[in-house]
Amino acid sequence: MKRLHAKCGHGVSFASILIRQGHPGPDVPPYQTFEEKQRDARRHQWEDAIPWPVLVDDVAGTVHRAYGMLADPTVLVDVDGTIAFYNAITHAPTLDRALSRLFRQQGRGVVLGGTDRKPHLLATIVGG
């Protein structure tokens, strides 16, 4: 995503939303408070050197539920605030194609059929 941001960040606003604890366990329990989520979001942004804003969903997961409750989705919103593309499991090459198409459409409208629900498992396994 950082390479995509470097390529397109001048014409696109990026934001991540921390929706839930990615790997809860005995040493890293699920969030109990909004402040815990905020602290984790700041740490995540700093440790991973994320150059765009990292927002925080509420503890109830309101945003997470509104966008399908998947673990790693990406939503591409056009200049009018309409969902132009939904990548069910974030896949940077697919998002690159979607952004390129959206640029050709002057930032408006649905691109690449509007949804990609493919798991792109090889990219997930190789990329982590």
N, C-alpha and C. Protein backbone atom coordinates (compact mmCIF):
# COMPACT_ATOMS: atom_id res chain seq x y z
N MET A 1 0.82 -1.18 0.00
CA MET A 1 0.00 0.00 0.00
C MET A 1 0.87 1.25 0.00
N LYS A 2 2.04 1.18 0.62
CA LYS A 2 2.91 2.36 0.64
C LYS A 2 3.38 2.71 -0.76
N ARG A 3 3.66 1.70 -1.58
CA ARG A 3 4.06 1.99 -2.97
C ARG A 3 2.91 2.61 -3.74
N LEU A 4 1.71 2.12 -3.50
CA LEU A 4 0.53 2.68 -4.16
C LEU A 4 0.31 4.12 -3.69
N HIS A 5 0.51 4.37 -2.42
CA HIS A 5 0.39 5.72 -1.88
C HIS A 5 1.44 6.64 -2.52
N ALA A 6 2.67 6.15 -2.66
CA ALA A 6 3.73 6.96 -3.28
C ALA A 6 3.38 7.28 -4.73
N LYS A 7 2.76 6.34 -5.40
CA LYS A 7 2.40 6.53 -6.80
C LYS A 7 1.19 7.45 -6.96
N CYS A 8 0.17 7.29 -6.12
CA CYS A 8 -1.11 7.98 -6.33
C CYS A 8 -1.48 8.97 -5.23
N GLY A 9 -0.69 9.04 -4.17
CA GLY A 9 -1.05 9.85 -3.02
C GLY A 9 -1.26 11.32 -3.30
N HIS A 10 -0.67 11.83 -4.39
CA HIS A 10 -0.85 13.24 -4.74
C HIS A 10 -2.27 13.53 -5.21
N GLY A 11 -2.96 12.53 -5.72
CA GLY A 11 -4.31 12.75 -6.23
C GLY A 11 -5.39 12.01 -5.48
N VAL A 12 -5.00 11.30 -4.41
CA VAL A 12 -5.93 10.47 -3.66
C VAL A 12 -5.67 10.66 -2.17
N SER A 13 -6.72 10.71 -1.38
CA SER A 13 -6.56 10.76 0.07
C SER A 13 -6.66 9.34 0.61
N PHE A 14 -5.64 8.90 1.30
CA PHE A 14 -5.61 7.58 1.92
C PHE A 14 -5.95 7.72 3.40
N ALA A 15 -6.61 6.72 3.95
CA ALA A 15 -6.85 6.63 5.39
C ALA A 15 -7.04 5.17 5.74
N SER A 16 -6.46 4.74 6.83
CA SER A 16 -6.70 3.41 7.37
C SER A 16 -7.65 3.57 8.55
N ILE A 17 -8.43 2.53 8.79
CA ILE A 17 -9.32 2.54 9.95
C ILE A 17 -9.03 1.30 10.77
N LEU A 18 -8.59 1.51 12.01
CA LEU A 18 -8.36 0.40 12.92
C LEU A 18 -9.73 -0.08 13.40
N ILE A 19 -10.09 -1.31 12.99
CA ILE A 19 -11.43 -1.81 13.28
C ILE A 19 -11.46 -2.76 14.47
N ARG A 20 -10.42 -3.57 14.62
CA ARG A 20 -10.40 -4.53 15.73
C ARG A 20 -8.97 -5.01 15.92
N GLN A 21 -8.74 -5.71 17.01
CA GLN A 21 -7.43 -6.30 17.27
C GLN A 21 -7.22 -7.42 16.27
N GLY A 22 -6.17 -7.30 15.47
CA GLY A 22 -5.93 -8.27 14.41
C GLY A 22 -5.67 -9.68 14.89
N HIS A 23 -4.94 -9.83 15.98
CA HIS A 23 -4.58 -11.17 16.48
C HIS A 23 -4.67 -11.18 18.00
N PRO A 24 -5.89 -11.14 18.55
CA PRO A 24 -6.00 -11.14 20.01
C PRO A 24 -5.51 -12.45 20.61
N GLY A 25 -5.03 -12.36 21.81
CA GLY A 25 -4.55 -13.54 22.51
C GLY A 25 -4.25 -13.16 23.95
N PRO A 26 -3.58 -14.06 24.69
CA PRO A 26 -3.33 -13.80 26.11
C PRO A 26 -2.50 -12.54 26.35
N ASP A 27 -1.53 -12.25 25.48
CA ASP A 27 -0.67 -11.07 25.67
C ASP A 27 -1.23 -9.81 25.03
N VAL A 28 -2.16 -9.97 24.10
CA VAL A 28 -2.76 -8.83 23.40
C VAL A 28 -4.27 -9.07 23.34
N PRO A 29 -4.97 -8.71 24.40
CA PRO A 29 -6.41 -8.99 24.46
C PRO A 29 -7.21 -8.09 23.52
N PRO A 30 -8.44 -8.47 23.22
CA PRO A 30 -9.31 -7.59 22.43
C PRO A 30 -9.49 -6.25 23.16
N TYR A 31 -9.77 -5.23 22.39
CA TYR A 31 -9.93 -3.89 22.97
C TYR A 31 -11.14 -3.83 23.89
N GLN A 32 -10.96 -3.16 25.01
CA GLN A 32 -12.05 -2.92 25.94
C GLN A 32 -12.48 -1.45 25.92
N THR A 33 -11.55 -0.56 25.54
CA THR A 33 -11.85 0.87 25.55
C THR A 33 -11.40 1.52 24.25
N PHE A 34 -12.01 2.65 23.96
CA PHE A 34 -11.63 3.44 22.79
C PHE A 34 -10.19 3.94 22.94
N GLU A 35 -9.78 4.27 24.14
CA GLU A 35 -8.43 4.76 24.38
C GLU A 35 -7.39 3.69 24.04
N GLU A 36 -7.68 2.42 24.35
CA GLU A 36 -6.77 1.33 23.97
C GLU A 36 -6.62 1.27 22.46
N LYS A 37 -7.74 1.42 21.75
CA LYS A 37 -7.69 1.39 20.29
C LYS A 37 -6.89 2.57 19.74
N GLN A 38 -7.11 3.75 20.33
CA GLN A 38 -6.36 4.93 19.89
C GLN A 38 -4.85 4.73 20.10
N ARG A 39 -4.49 4.22 21.24
CA ARG A 39 -3.08 3.98 21.56
C ARG A 39 -2.47 2.98 20.57
N ASP A 40 -3.21 1.92 20.27
CA ASP A 40 -2.73 0.91 19.34
C ASP A 40 -2.62 1.49 17.92
N ALA A 41 -3.56 2.33 17.53
CA ALA A 41 -3.52 2.96 16.21
C ALA A 41 -2.28 3.84 16.07
N ARG A 42 -1.98 4.62 17.10
CA ARG A 42 -0.78 5.47 17.07
C ARG A 42 0.49 4.62 16.97
N ARG A 43 0.53 3.54 17.76
CA ARG A 43 1.69 2.65 17.74
C ARG A 43 1.84 2.00 16.35
N HIS A 44 0.74 1.52 15.81
CA HIS A 44 0.75 0.89 14.48
C HIS A 44 1.26 1.88 13.42
N GLN A 45 0.76 3.11 13.46
CA GLN A 45 1.18 4.10 12.48
C GLN A 45 2.67 4.40 12.62
N TRP A 46 3.14 4.52 13.84
CA TRP A 46 4.55 4.83 14.07
C TRP A 46 5.44 3.65 13.70
N GLU A 47 5.11 2.45 14.20
CA GLU A 47 5.96 1.27 13.95
C GLU A 47 6.04 0.92 12.47
N ASP A 48 4.93 1.08 11.75
CA ASP A 48 4.91 0.72 10.33
C ASP A 48 5.16 1.91 9.42
N ALA A 49 5.47 3.07 10.01
CA ALA A 49 5.76 4.30 9.24
C ALA A 49 4.69 4.57 8.18
N ILE A 50 3.45 4.54 8.62
CA ILE A 50 2.32 4.77 7.71
C ILE A 50 2.18 6.28 7.50
N PRO A 51 2.29 6.74 6.23
CA PRO A 51 2.29 8.17 5.96
C PRO A 51 0.91 8.82 5.84
N TRP A 52 -0.15 8.06 6.01
CA TRP A 52 -1.50 8.61 5.92
C TRP A 52 -2.18 8.46 7.28
N PRO A 53 -3.32 9.13 7.49
CA PRO A 53 -4.01 9.05 8.78
C PRO A 53 -4.48 7.63 9.10
N VAL A 54 -4.37 7.26 10.36
CA VAL A 54 -4.94 6.00 10.86
C VAL A 54 -6.08 6.39 11.79
N LEU A 55 -7.29 6.13 11.35
CA LEU A 55 -8.49 6.45 12.11
C LEU A 55 -8.86 5.27 13.00
N VAL A 56 -9.79 5.48 13.92
CA VAL A 56 -10.15 4.43 14.87
C VAL A 56 -11.67 4.25 14.90
N ASP A 57 -12.11 3.03 14.64
CA ASP A 57 -13.53 2.68 14.78
C ASP A 57 -13.87 2.63 16.27
N ASP A 58 -15.14 2.80 16.60
CA ASP A 58 -15.51 2.70 18.02
C ASP A 58 -15.40 1.25 18.50
N VAL A 59 -15.47 1.04 19.80
CA VAL A 59 -15.29 -0.29 20.37
C VAL A 59 -16.38 -1.25 19.88
N ALA A 60 -17.56 -0.75 19.62
CA ALA A 60 -18.66 -1.59 19.13
C ALA A 60 -18.45 -2.03 17.68
N GLY A 61 -17.53 -1.38 16.94
CA GLY A 61 -17.26 -1.78 15.56
C GLY A 61 -18.28 -1.27 14.57
N THR A 62 -18.80 -0.09 14.78
CA THR A 62 -19.85 0.46 13.91
C THR A 62 -19.42 0.53 12.45
N VAL A 63 -18.23 1.06 12.20
CA VAL A 63 -17.75 1.18 10.82
C VAL A 63 -17.48 -0.20 10.24
N HIS A 64 -16.87 -1.07 11.03
CA HIS A 64 -16.57 -2.43 10.59
C HIS A 64 -17.85 -3.15 10.14
N ARG A 65 -18.90 -3.04 10.92
CA ARG A 65 -20.17 -3.67 10.55
C ARG A 65 -20.76 -3.03 9.30
N ALA A 66 -20.67 -1.72 9.18
CA ALA A 66 -21.26 -1.03 8.03
C ALA A 66 -20.62 -1.43 6.71
N TYR A 67 -19.34 -1.82 6.75
CA TYR A 67 -18.64 -2.18 5.52
C TYR A 67 -18.40 -3.68 5.37
N GLY A 68 -19.22 -4.51 6.01
CA GLY A 68 -19.20 -5.94 5.72
C GLY A 68 -18.49 -6.84 6.70
N MET A 69 -17.88 -6.31 7.74
CA MET A 69 -17.24 -7.08 8.79
C MET A 69 -16.10 -7.99 8.32
N LEU A 70 -15.47 -7.68 7.20
CA LEU A 70 -14.32 -8.46 6.75
C LEU A 70 -13.06 -7.96 7.45
N ALA A 71 -12.02 -8.79 7.44
CA ALA A 71 -10.81 -8.48 8.19
C ALA A 71 -9.95 -7.40 7.53
N ASP A 72 -9.93 -7.32 6.22
CA ASP A 72 -8.99 -6.42 5.55
C ASP A 72 -9.58 -5.84 4.26
N PRO A 73 -10.72 -5.18 4.33
CA PRO A 73 -11.29 -4.62 3.11
C PRO A 73 -10.70 -3.25 2.78
N THR A 74 -10.86 -2.84 1.54
CA THR A 74 -10.53 -1.48 1.13
C THR A 74 -11.73 -0.95 0.35
N VAL A 75 -12.11 0.27 0.68
CA VAL A 75 -13.21 0.93 0.01
C VAL A 75 -12.65 2.13 -0.72
N LEU A 76 -12.90 2.21 -2.02
CA LEU A 76 -12.47 3.33 -2.85
C LEU A 76 -13.69 4.22 -3.07
N VAL A 77 -13.60 5.45 -2.60
CA VAL A 77 -14.72 6.39 -2.68
C VAL A 77 -14.41 7.44 -3.73
N ASP A 78 -15.36 7.71 -4.62
CA ASP A 78 -15.11 8.70 -5.67
C ASP A 78 -15.27 10.13 -5.15
N VAL A 79 -15.04 11.10 -6.02
CA VAL A 79 -15.06 12.51 -5.59
C VAL A 79 -16.44 12.96 -5.13
N ASP A 80 -17.48 12.23 -5.50
CA ASP A 80 -18.84 12.57 -5.08
C ASP A 80 -19.25 11.87 -3.79
N GLY A 81 -18.35 11.05 -3.22
CA GLY A 81 -18.65 10.34 -1.99
C GLY A 81 -19.34 9.01 -2.20
N THR A 82 -19.38 8.53 -3.44
CA THR A 82 -20.00 7.26 -3.78
C THR A 82 -18.94 6.16 -3.79
N ILE A 83 -19.30 4.97 -3.32
CA ILE A 83 -18.35 3.86 -3.36
C ILE A 83 -18.14 3.46 -4.82
N ALA A 84 -16.90 3.65 -5.27
CA ALA A 84 -16.54 3.33 -6.66
C ALA A 84 -16.04 1.89 -6.78
N PHE A 85 -15.47 1.38 -5.70
CA PHE A 85 -14.91 0.03 -5.74
C PHE A 85 -14.73 -0.49 -4.32
N TYR A 86 -15.04 -1.77 -4.14
CA TYR A 86 -14.90 -2.44 -2.85
C TYR A 86 -14.01 -3.64 -3.05
N ASN A 87 -12.85 -3.63 -2.40
CA ASN A 87 -11.90 -4.74 -2.47
C ASN A 87 -12.05 -5.52 -1.16
N ALA A 88 -12.74 -6.65 -1.20
CA ALA A 88 -13.10 -7.39 0.01
C ALA A 88 -11.87 -7.77 0.85
N ILE A 89 -10.79 -8.12 0.19
CA ILE A 89 -9.52 -8.38 0.87
C ILE A 89 -8.49 -7.53 0.13
N THR A 90 -7.92 -6.56 0.82
CA THR A 90 -7.03 -5.60 0.19
C THR A 90 -5.98 -6.27 -0.67
N HIS A 91 -5.90 -5.83 -1.93
CA HIS A 91 -4.93 -6.33 -2.89
C HIS A 91 -4.44 -5.14 -3.69
N ALA A 92 -3.23 -4.69 -3.38
CA ALA A 92 -2.71 -3.45 -3.96
C ALA A 92 -2.72 -3.43 -5.49
N PRO A 93 -2.34 -4.52 -6.20
CA PRO A 93 -2.39 -4.46 -7.67
C PRO A 93 -3.82 -4.23 -8.20
N THR A 94 -4.81 -4.83 -7.57
CA THR A 94 -6.19 -4.61 -7.99
C THR A 94 -6.61 -3.17 -7.70
N LEU A 95 -6.22 -2.66 -6.55
CA LEU A 95 -6.52 -1.27 -6.22
C LEU A 95 -5.84 -0.30 -7.18
N ASP A 96 -4.64 -0.64 -7.60
CA ASP A 96 -3.93 0.19 -8.57
C ASP A 96 -4.73 0.27 -9.87
N ARG A 97 -5.22 -0.88 -10.33
CA ARG A 97 -6.06 -0.88 -11.55
C ARG A 97 -7.33 -0.07 -11.35
N ALA A 98 -7.95 -0.22 -10.18
CA ALA A 98 -9.19 0.51 -9.90
C ALA A 98 -8.93 2.02 -9.86
N LEU A 99 -7.85 2.43 -9.22
CA LEU A 99 -7.52 3.86 -9.16
C LEU A 99 -7.22 4.41 -10.55
N SER A 100 -6.47 3.66 -11.35
CA SER A 100 -6.17 4.10 -12.72
C SER A 100 -7.44 4.31 -13.52
N ARG A 101 -8.36 3.38 -13.39
CA ARG A 101 -9.64 3.50 -14.09
C ARG A 101 -10.43 4.71 -13.57
N LEU A 102 -10.44 4.89 -12.26
CA LEU A 102 -11.16 6.02 -11.68
C LEU A 102 -10.57 7.35 -12.14
N PHE A 103 -9.24 7.44 -12.24
CA PHE A 103 -8.61 8.66 -12.76
C PHE A 103 -9.06 8.93 -14.18
N ARG A 104 -9.14 7.87 -15.00
CA ARG A 104 -9.59 8.04 -16.40
C ARG A 104 -11.04 8.50 -16.47
N GLN A 105 -11.80 8.23 -15.42
CA GLN A 105 -13.21 8.64 -15.37
C GLN A 105 -13.37 9.96 -14.60
N GLN A 106 -12.30 10.74 -14.51
CA GLN A 106 -12.32 12.02 -13.80
C GLN A 106 -12.77 11.87 -12.34
N GLY A 107 -12.46 10.74 -11.73
CA GLY A 107 -12.73 10.55 -10.32
C GLY A 107 -14.17 10.19 -9.98
N ARG A 108 -14.96 9.85 -10.99
CA ARG A 108 -16.38 9.58 -10.73
C ARG A 108 -16.81 8.23 -11.28
N GLY A 109 -17.69 7.58 -10.51
CA GLY A 109 -18.35 6.38 -10.98
C GLY A 109 -17.74 5.08 -10.49
N VAL A 110 -18.46 4.02 -10.75
CA VAL A 110 -18.05 2.67 -10.37
C VAL A 110 -16.96 2.20 -11.32
N VAL A 111 -15.98 1.49 -10.79
CA VAL A 111 -14.89 0.95 -11.61
C VAL A 111 -14.74 -0.55 -11.37
N LEU A 112 -14.25 -1.23 -12.39
CA LEU A 112 -13.97 -2.68 -12.35
C LEU A 112 -15.14 -3.49 -11.81
N GLY A 113 -16.35 -3.10 -12.18
CA GLY A 113 -17.54 -3.82 -11.75
C GLY A 113 -17.96 -3.51 -10.32
N GLY A 114 -17.21 -2.65 -9.64
CA GLY A 114 -17.60 -2.21 -8.30
C GLY A 114 -17.12 -3.05 -7.15
N THR A 115 -16.83 -4.34 -7.38
CA THR A 115 -16.45 -5.22 -6.27
C THR A 115 -15.45 -6.27 -6.72
N ASP A 116 -14.48 -6.54 -5.87
CA ASP A 116 -13.59 -7.67 -6.06
C ASP A 116 -13.59 -8.45 -4.75
N ARG A 117 -14.14 -9.66 -4.79
CA ARG A 117 -14.21 -10.49 -3.59
C ARG A 117 -13.21 -11.65 -3.62
N LYS A 118 -12.32 -11.65 -4.62
CA LYS A 118 -11.32 -12.72 -4.70
C LYS A 118 -10.37 -12.62 -3.51
N PRO A 119 -9.98 -13.76 -2.94
CA PRO A 119 -9.09 -13.72 -1.78
C PRO A 119 -7.63 -13.39 -2.11
N HIS A 120 -7.21 -13.54 -3.39
CA HIS A 120 -5.81 -13.27 -3.76
C HIS A 120 -4.87 -13.95 -2.77
N LEU A 121 -5.08 -15.24 -2.58
CA LEU A 121 -4.36 -15.98 -1.54
C LEU A 121 -2.85 -15.99 -1.72
N LEU A 122 -2.36 -16.10 -2.95
CA LEU A 122 -0.93 -16.13 -3.15
C LEU A 122 -0.30 -14.83 -2.64
N ALA A 123 -0.92 -13.70 -2.96
CA ALA A 123 -0.40 -12.41 -2.48
C ALA A 123 -0.43 -12.34 -0.96
N THR A 124 -1.47 -12.88 -0.35
CA THR A 124 -1.58 -12.87 1.10
C THR A 124 -0.50 -13.75 1.74
N ILE A 125 -0.26 -14.92 1.16
CA ILE A 125 0.73 -15.84 1.71
C ILE A 125 2.13 -15.25 1.54
N VAL A 126 2.45 -14.73 0.37
CA VAL A 126 3.77 -14.19 0.10
C VAL A 126 4.00 -12.87 0.83
N GLY A 127 2.97 -12.00 0.84
CA GLY A 127 3.13 -10.68 1.42
C GLY A 127 2.86 -10.60 2.90
N GLY A 128 2.30 -11.62 3.48
CA GLY A 128 2.06 -11.63 4.91
C GLY A 128 0.74 -11.17 5.31
